[in-house]
Amino acid sequence: MKNADLPAMPIELNGFGQYAPEAHIGLTKREMFAVAAMQGICSNPYDRYTYEQLAVHAVKHADALLAELEKTNEK
């Protein structure tokens, strides 16, 4: 499972104190990073994006962060 697909803040559902990918709910790391990027982009009142452009930019920011984190984890 890729880092981007792991849960951002996993909640234990299996009751045994062990992480199981199928036993979590919530956002993935990629989704959470995209939300944060979208909030940052929206906070600039001078940027004028369509909703589609905003979504694309937010996901690109999230993917760039995840790619950089993968690089630093490899060192």
PDB file of N, CA and C in Angstrom:
ATOM      1  N   MET A   1       0.845  -1.169   0.000  1.00  0.00           N
ATOM      2  CA  MET A   1       0.000   0.000   0.000  1.00  0.00           C
ATOM      3  C   MET A   1       0.896   1.240   0.000  1.00  0.00           C
ATOM      4  N   LYS A   2       0.583   2.158  -0.883  1.00  0.00           N
ATOM      5  CA  LYS A   2       1.360   3.381  -0.990  1.00  0.00           C
ATOM      6  C   LYS A   2       1.091   4.297   0.196  1.00  0.00           C
ATOM      7  N   ASN A   3       2.086   5.109   0.532  1.00  0.00           N
ATOM      8  CA  ASN A   3       1.973   6.065   1.616  1.00  0.00           C
ATOM      9  C   ASN A   3       0.737   6.956   1.436  1.00  0.00           C
ATOM     10  N   ALA A   4       0.471   7.369   0.207  1.00  0.00           N
ATOM     11  CA  ALA A   4      -0.654   8.261  -0.066  1.00  0.00           C
ATOM     12  C   ALA A   4      -1.993   7.623   0.272  1.00  0.00           C
ATOM     13  N   ASP A   5      -2.051   6.294   0.237  1.00  0.00           N
ATOM     14  CA  ASP A   5      -3.302   5.587   0.478  1.00  0.00           C
ATOM     15  C   ASP A   5      -3.510   5.191   1.940  1.00  0.00           C
ATOM     16  N   LEU A   6      -2.488   5.415   2.763  1.00  0.00           N
ATOM     17  CA  LEU A   6      -2.618   5.102   4.177  1.00  0.00           C
ATOM     18  C   LEU A   6      -3.524   6.126   4.846  1.00  0.00           C
ATOM     19  N   PRO A   7      -4.190   5.748   5.918  1.00  0.00           N
ATOM     20  CA  PRO A   7      -5.068   6.701   6.587  1.00  0.00           C
ATOM     21  C   PRO A   7      -4.262   7.824   7.236  1.00  0.00           C
ATOM     22  N   ALA A   8      -4.813   9.028   7.203  1.00  0.00           N
ATOM     23  CA  ALA A   8      -4.139  10.179   7.795  1.00  0.00           C
ATOM     24  C   ALA A   8      -4.145  10.086   9.313  1.00  0.00           C
ATOM     25  N   MET A   9      -5.264   9.723   9.872  1.00  0.00           N
ATOM     26  CA  MET A   9      -5.416   9.580  11.322  1.00  0.00           C
ATOM     27  C   MET A   9      -6.243   8.336  11.580  1.00  0.00           C
ATOM     28  N   PRO A  10      -5.596   7.163  11.546  1.00  0.00           N
ATOM     29  CA  PRO A  10      -6.362   5.919  11.626  1.00  0.00           C
ATOM     30  C   PRO A  10      -7.102   5.772  12.945  1.00  0.00           C
ATOM     31  N   ILE A  11      -8.259   5.203  12.847  1.00  0.00           N
ATOM     32  CA  ILE A  11      -9.074   4.895  14.014  1.00  0.00           C
ATOM     33  C   ILE A  11      -9.186   3.377  14.072  1.00  0.00           C
ATOM     34  N   GLU A  12      -8.819   2.825  15.200  1.00  0.00           N
ATOM     35  CA  GLU A  12      -8.832   1.374  15.333  1.00  0.00           C
ATOM     36  C   GLU A  12     -10.268   0.866  15.366  1.00  0.00           C
ATOM     37  N   LEU A  13     -10.557  -0.060  14.481  1.00  0.00           N
ATOM     38  CA  LEU A  13     -11.891  -0.649  14.438  1.00  0.00           C
ATOM     39  C   LEU A  13     -11.891  -2.130  14.762  1.00  0.00           C
ATOM     40  N   ASN A  14     -10.696  -2.751  14.742  1.00  0.00           N
ATOM     41  CA  ASN A  14     -10.676  -4.203  14.935  1.00  0.00           C
ATOM     42  C   ASN A  14     -10.604  -4.602  16.403  1.00  0.00           C
ATOM     43  N   GLY A  15     -10.337  -3.663  17.308  1.00  0.00           N
ATOM     44  CA  GLY A  15     -10.367  -3.938  18.731  1.00  0.00           C
ATOM     45  C   GLY A  15      -9.175  -4.686  19.285  1.00  0.00           C
ATOM     46  N   PHE A  16      -8.176  -4.972  18.475  1.00  0.00           N
ATOM     47  CA  PHE A  16      -7.025  -5.744  18.950  1.00  0.00           C
ATOM     48  C   PHE A  16      -5.757  -4.911  19.050  1.00  0.00           C
ATOM     49  N   GLY A  17      -5.835  -3.606  18.818  1.00  0.00           N
ATOM     50  CA  GLY A  17      -4.666  -2.751  18.936  1.00  0.00           C
ATOM     51  C   GLY A  17      -3.688  -2.882  17.791  1.00  0.00           C
ATOM     52  N   GLN A  18      -4.101  -3.506  16.706  1.00  0.00           N
ATOM     53  CA  GLN A  18      -3.233  -3.684  15.554  1.00  0.00           C
ATOM     54  C   GLN A  18      -3.815  -2.933  14.373  1.00  0.00           C
ATOM     55  N   TYR A  19      -2.928  -2.360  13.565  1.00  0.00           N
ATOM     56  CA  TYR A  19      -3.389  -1.634  12.390  1.00  0.00           C
ATOM     57  C   TYR A  19      -3.761  -2.615  11.297  1.00  0.00           C
ATOM     58  N   ALA A  20      -4.918  -2.441  10.725  1.00  0.00           N
ATOM     59  CA  ALA A  20      -5.358  -3.239   9.589  1.00  0.00           C
ATOM     60  C   ALA A  20      -5.971  -2.283   8.579  1.00  0.00           C
ATOM     61  N   PRO A  21      -5.449  -2.225   7.336  1.00  0.00           N
ATOM     62  CA  PRO A  21      -5.946  -1.260   6.350  1.00  0.00           C
ATOM     63  C   PRO A  21      -7.447  -1.318   6.133  1.00  0.00           C
ATOM     64  N   GLU A  22      -8.025  -2.496   6.222  1.00  0.00           N
ATOM     65  CA  GLU A  22      -9.461  -2.617   5.975  1.00  0.00           C
ATOM     66  C   GLU A  22     -10.283  -2.206   7.192  1.00  0.00           C
ATOM     67  N   ALA A  23      -9.622  -1.921   8.299  1.00  0.00           N
ATOM     68  CA  ALA A  23     -10.332  -1.620   9.538  1.00  0.00           C
ATOM     69  C   ALA A  23     -10.145  -0.161   9.955  1.00  0.00           C
ATOM     70  N   HIS A  24     -10.210   0.741   9.008  1.00  0.00           N
ATOM     71  CA  HIS A  24     -10.116   2.156   9.360  1.00  0.00           C
ATOM     72  C   HIS A  24     -11.142   2.958   8.578  1.00  0.00           C
ATOM     73  N   ILE A  25     -11.438   4.109   9.102  1.00  0.00           N
ATOM     74  CA  ILE A  25     -12.332   5.027   8.409  1.00  0.00           C
ATOM     75  C   ILE A  25     -11.640   6.382   8.350  1.00  0.00           C
ATOM     76  N   GLY A  26     -12.072   7.229   7.464  1.00  0.00           N
ATOM     77  CA  GLY A  26     -11.523   8.576   7.408  1.00  0.00           C
ATOM     78  C   GLY A  26     -10.761   8.844   6.125  1.00  0.00           C
ATOM     79  N   LEU A  27     -10.087   9.984   6.116  1.00  0.00           N
ATOM     80  CA  LEU A  27      -9.362  10.432   4.937  1.00  0.00           C
ATOM     81  C   LEU A  27      -8.014   9.738   4.796  1.00  0.00           C
ATOM     82  N   THR A  28      -7.586   9.588   3.549  1.00  0.00           N
ATOM     83  CA  THR A  28      -6.223   9.123   3.302  1.00  0.00           C
ATOM     84  C   THR A  28      -5.293  10.316   3.462  1.00  0.00           C
ATOM     85  N   LYS A  29      -4.005  10.049   3.522  1.00  0.00           N
ATOM     86  CA  LYS A  29      -3.033  11.138   3.606  1.00  0.00           C
ATOM     87  C   LYS A  29      -3.150  12.051   2.388  1.00  0.00           C
ATOM     88  N   ARG A  30      -3.324  11.460   1.222  1.00  0.00           N
ATOM     89  CA  ARG A  30      -3.439  12.262   0.001  1.00  0.00           C
ATOM     90  C   ARG A  30      -4.645  13.192   0.066  1.00  0.00           C
ATOM     91  N   GLU A  31      -5.761  12.664   0.528  1.00  0.00           N
ATOM     92  CA  GLU A  31      -6.961  13.490   0.648  1.00  0.00           C
ATOM     93  C   GLU A  31      -6.771  14.610   1.672  1.00  0.00           C
ATOM     94  N   MET A  32      -6.144  14.291   2.804  1.00  0.00           N
ATOM     95  CA  MET A  32      -5.940  15.302   3.829  1.00  0.00           C
ATOM     96  C   MET A  32      -4.999  16.408   3.344  1.00  0.00           C
ATOM     97  N   PHE A  33      -3.937  16.019   2.628  1.00  0.00           N
ATOM     98  CA  PHE A  33      -3.018  17.022   2.101  1.00  0.00           C
ATOM     99  C   PHE A  33      -3.702  17.892   1.058  1.00  0.00           C
ATOM    100  N   ALA A  34      -4.561  17.306   0.255  1.00  0.00           N
ATOM    101  CA  ALA A  34      -5.297  18.074  -0.762  1.00  0.00           C
ATOM    102  C   ALA A  34      -6.251  19.066  -0.094  1.00  0.00           C
ATOM    103  N   VAL A  35      -6.885  18.654   0.984  1.00  0.00           N
ATOM    104  CA  VAL A  35      -7.767  19.560   1.720  1.00  0.00           C
ATOM    105  C   VAL A  35      -6.975  20.751   2.244  1.00  0.00           C
ATOM    106  N   ALA A  36      -5.818  20.483   2.840  1.00  0.00           N
ATOM    107  CA  ALA A  36      -4.995  21.572   3.380  1.00  0.00           C
ATOM    108  C   ALA A  36      -4.531  22.511   2.270  1.00  0.00           C
ATOM    109  N   ALA A  37      -4.133  21.943   1.143  1.00  0.00           N
ATOM    110  CA  ALA A  37      -3.702  22.776   0.012  1.00  0.00           C
ATOM    111  C   ALA A  37      -4.859  23.628  -0.492  1.00  0.00           C
ATOM    112  N   MET A  38      -6.037  23.040  -0.583  1.00  0.00           N
ATOM    113  CA  MET A  38      -7.206  23.784  -1.059  1.00  0.00           C
ATOM    114  C   MET A  38      -7.542  24.933  -0.113  1.00  0.00           C
ATOM    115  N   GLN A  39      -7.427  24.701   1.173  1.00  0.00           N
ATOM    116  CA  GLN A  39      -7.679  25.763   2.143  1.00  0.00           C
ATOM    117  C   GLN A  39      -6.685  26.911   1.953  1.00  0.00           C
ATOM    118  N   GLY A  40      -5.432  26.563   1.741  1.00  0.00           N
ATOM    119  CA  GLY A  40      -4.422  27.587   1.530  1.00  0.00           C
ATOM    120  C   GLY A  40      -4.672  28.385   0.260  1.00  0.00           C
ATOM    121  N   ILE A  41      -5.005  27.695  -0.808  1.00  0.00           N
ATOM    122  CA  ILE A  41      -5.283  28.368  -2.083  1.00  0.00           C
ATOM    123  C   ILE A  41      -6.497  29.288  -1.932  1.00  0.00           C
ATOM    124  N   CYS A  42      -7.528  28.807  -1.258  1.00  0.00           N
ATOM    125  CA  CYS A  42      -8.759  29.598  -1.084  1.00  0.00           C
ATOM    126  C   CYS A  42      -8.547  30.806  -0.173  1.00  0.00           C
ATOM    127  N   SER A  43      -7.516  30.779   0.656  1.00  0.00           N
ATOM    128  CA  SER A  43      -7.303  31.882   1.587  1.00  0.00           C
ATOM    129  C   SER A  43      -6.766  33.134   0.899  1.00  0.00           C
ATOM    130  N   ASN A  44      -6.320  33.005  -0.349  1.00  0.00           N
ATOM    131  CA  ASN A  44      -5.817  34.163  -1.096  1.00  0.00           C
ATOM    132  C   ASN A  44      -6.979  34.778  -1.872  1.00  0.00           C
ATOM    133  N   PRO A  45      -7.438  35.958  -1.451  1.00  0.00           N
ATOM    134  CA  PRO A  45      -8.603  36.544  -2.110  1.00  0.00           C
ATOM    135  C   PRO A  45      -8.328  37.026  -3.540  1.00  0.00           C
ATOM    136  N   TYR A  46      -7.068  37.059  -3.932  1.00  0.00           N
ATOM    137  CA  TYR A  46      -6.730  37.560  -5.268  1.00  0.00           C
ATOM    138  C   TYR A  46      -6.651  36.466  -6.318  1.00  0.00           C
ATOM    139  N   ASP A  47      -6.627  35.204  -5.885  1.00  0.00           N
ATOM    140  CA  ASP A  47      -6.621  34.104  -6.849  1.00  0.00           C
ATOM    141  C   ASP A  47      -8.040  33.852  -7.342  1.00  0.00           C
ATOM    142  N   ARG A  48      -8.167  33.669  -8.634  1.00  0.00           N
ATOM    143  CA  ARG A  48      -9.477  33.403  -9.225  1.00  0.00           C
ATOM    144  C   ARG A  48      -9.402  32.104 -10.017  1.00  0.00           C
ATOM    145  N   TYR A  49      -9.771  31.032  -9.384  1.00  0.00           N
ATOM    146  CA  TYR A  49      -9.781  29.725 -10.021  1.00  0.00           C
ATOM    147  C   TYR A  49     -11.222  29.268 -10.183  1.00  0.00           C
ATOM    148  N   THR A  50     -11.462  28.480 -11.217  1.00  0.00           N
ATOM    149  CA  THR A  50     -12.741  27.774 -11.272  1.00  0.00           C
ATOM    150  C   THR A  50     -12.656  26.652 -10.243  1.00  0.00           C
ATOM    151  N   TYR A  51     -13.778  26.065  -9.911  1.00  0.00           N
ATOM    152  CA  TYR A  51     -13.767  24.956  -8.952  1.00  0.00           C
ATOM    153  C   TYR A  51     -12.908  23.801  -9.459  1.00  0.00           C
ATOM    154  N   GLU A  52     -12.988  23.555 -10.755  1.00  0.00           N
ATOM    155  CA  GLU A  52     -12.208  22.460 -11.340  1.00  0.00           C
ATOM    156  C   GLU A  52     -10.707  22.753 -11.245  1.00  0.00           C
ATOM    157  N   GLN A  53     -10.308  23.995 -11.551  1.00  0.00           N
ATOM    158  CA  GLN A  53      -8.896  24.363 -11.461  1.00  0.00           C
ATOM    159  C   GLN A  53      -8.406  24.263 -10.020  1.00  0.00           C
ATOM    160  N   LEU A  54      -9.218  24.704  -9.099  1.00  0.00           N
ATOM    161  CA  LEU A  54      -8.869  24.646  -7.684  1.00  0.00           C
ATOM    162  C   LEU A  54      -8.622  23.206  -7.245  1.00  0.00           C
ATOM    163  N   ALA A  55      -9.510  22.305  -7.636  1.00  0.00           N
ATOM    164  CA  ALA A  55      -9.367  20.900  -7.265  1.00  0.00           C
ATOM    165  C   ALA A  55      -8.094  20.307  -7.862  1.00  0.00           C
ATOM    166  N   VAL A  56      -7.825  20.607  -9.131  1.00  0.00           N
ATOM    167  CA  VAL A  56      -6.631  20.081  -9.796  1.00  0.00           C
ATOM    168  C   VAL A  56      -5.370  20.587  -9.098  1.00  0.00           C
ATOM    169  N   HIS A  57      -5.323  21.866  -8.782  1.00  0.00           N
ATOM    170  CA  HIS A  57      -4.142  22.429  -8.117  1.00  0.00           C
ATOM    171  C   HIS A  57      -3.951  21.832  -6.725  1.00  0.00           C
ATOM    172  N   ALA A  58      -5.022  21.655  -5.994  1.00  0.00           N
ATOM    173  CA  ALA A  58      -4.917  21.090  -4.650  1.00  0.00           C
ATOM    174  C   ALA A  58      -4.354  19.675  -4.693  1.00  0.00           C
ATOM    175  N   VAL A  59      -4.819  18.867  -5.628  1.00  0.00           N
ATOM    176  CA  VAL A  59      -4.327  17.492  -5.740  1.00  0.00           C
ATOM    177  C   VAL A  59      -2.864  17.474  -6.194  1.00  0.00           C
ATOM    178  N   LYS A  60      -2.493  18.389  -7.094  1.00  0.00           N
ATOM    179  CA  LYS A  60      -1.090  18.465  -7.522  1.00  0.00           C
ATOM    180  C   LYS A  60      -0.182  18.821  -6.347  1.00  0.00           C
ATOM    181  N   HIS A  61      -0.626  19.741  -5.503  1.00  0.00           N
ATOM    182  CA  HIS A  61       0.158  20.087  -4.312  1.00  0.00           C
ATOM    183  C   HIS A  61       0.304  18.872  -3.403  1.00  0.00           C
ATOM    184  N   ALA A  62      -0.783  18.144  -3.188  1.00  0.00           N
ATOM    185  CA  ALA A  62      -0.744  16.956  -2.329  1.00  0.00           C
ATOM    186  C   ALA A  62       0.207  15.910  -2.898  1.00  0.00           C
ATOM    187  N   ASP A  63       0.133  15.675  -4.195  1.00  0.00           N
ATOM    188  CA  ASP A  63       1.004  14.676  -4.823  1.00  0.00           C
ATOM    189  C   ASP A  63       2.471  15.091  -4.749  1.00  0.00           C
ATOM    190  N   ALA A  64       2.734  16.387  -4.907  1.00  0.00           N
ATOM    191  CA  ALA A  64       4.120  16.870  -4.813  1.00  0.00           C
ATOM    192  C   ALA A  64       4.667  16.665  -3.404  1.00  0.00           C
ATOM    193  N   LEU A  65       3.856  16.936  -2.407  1.00  0.00           N
ATOM    194  CA  LEU A  65       4.292  16.725  -1.026  1.00  0.00           C
ATOM    195  C   LEU A  65       4.547  15.250  -0.754  1.00  0.00           C
ATOM    196  N   LEU A  66       3.658  14.395  -1.203  1.00  0.00           N
ATOM    197  CA  LEU A  66       3.856  12.957  -0.995  1.00  0.00           C
ATOM    198  C   LEU A  66       5.105  12.451  -1.717  1.00  0.00           C
ATOM    199  N   ALA A  67       5.355  12.946  -2.915  1.00  0.00           N
ATOM    200  CA  ALA A  67       6.555  12.541  -3.657  1.00  0.00           C
ATOM    201  C   ALA A  67       7.816  12.979  -2.928  1.00  0.00           C
ATOM    202  N   GLU A  68       7.795  14.174  -2.396  1.00  0.00           N
ATOM    203  CA  GLU A  68       8.965  14.668  -1.653  1.00  0.00           C
ATOM    204  C   GLU A  68       9.156  13.880  -0.369  1.00  0.00           C
ATOM    205  N   LEU A  69       8.086  13.535   0.299  1.00  0.00           N
ATOM    206  CA  LEU A  69       8.200  12.726   1.509  1.00  0.00           C
ATOM    207  C   LEU A  69       8.761  11.349   1.199  1.00  0.00           C
ATOM    208  N   GLU A  70       8.392  10.781   0.076  1.00  0.00           N
ATOM    209  CA  GLU A  70       8.942   9.481  -0.330  1.00  0.00           C
ATOM    210  C   GLU A  70      10.445   9.592  -0.555  1.00  0.00           C
ATOM    211  N   LYS A  71      10.899  10.675  -1.156  1.00  0.00           N
ATOM    212  CA  LYS A  71      12.331  10.874  -1.398  1.00  0.00           C
ATOM    213  C   LYS A  71      13.091  10.965  -0.097  1.00  0.00           C
ATOM    214  N   THR A  72      12.569  11.729   0.854  1.00  0.00           N
ATOM    215  CA  THR A  72      13.285  11.900   2.123  1.00  0.00           C
ATOM    216  C   THR A  72      13.259  10.618   2.956  1.00  0.00           C
ATOM    217  N   ASN A  73      12.248   9.778   2.770  1.00  0.00           N
ATOM    218  CA  ASN A  73      12.194   8.502   3.493  1.00  0.00           C
ATOM    219  C   ASN A  73      13.176   7.490   2.938  1.00  0.00           C
ATOM    220  N   GLU A  74      13.582   7.675   1.680  1.00  0.00           N
ATOM    221  CA  GLU A  74      14.512   6.735   1.050  1.00  0.00           C
ATOM    222  C   GLU A  74      15.951   6.983   1.479  1.00  0.00           C
ATOM    223  N   LYS A  75      16.267   8.160   1.974  1.00  0.00           N
ATOM    224  CA  LYS A  75      17.645   8.509   2.343  1.00  0.00           C
ATOM    225  C   LYS A  75      18.046   7.873   3.633  1.00  0.00           C
TER     226      LYS A  75
END
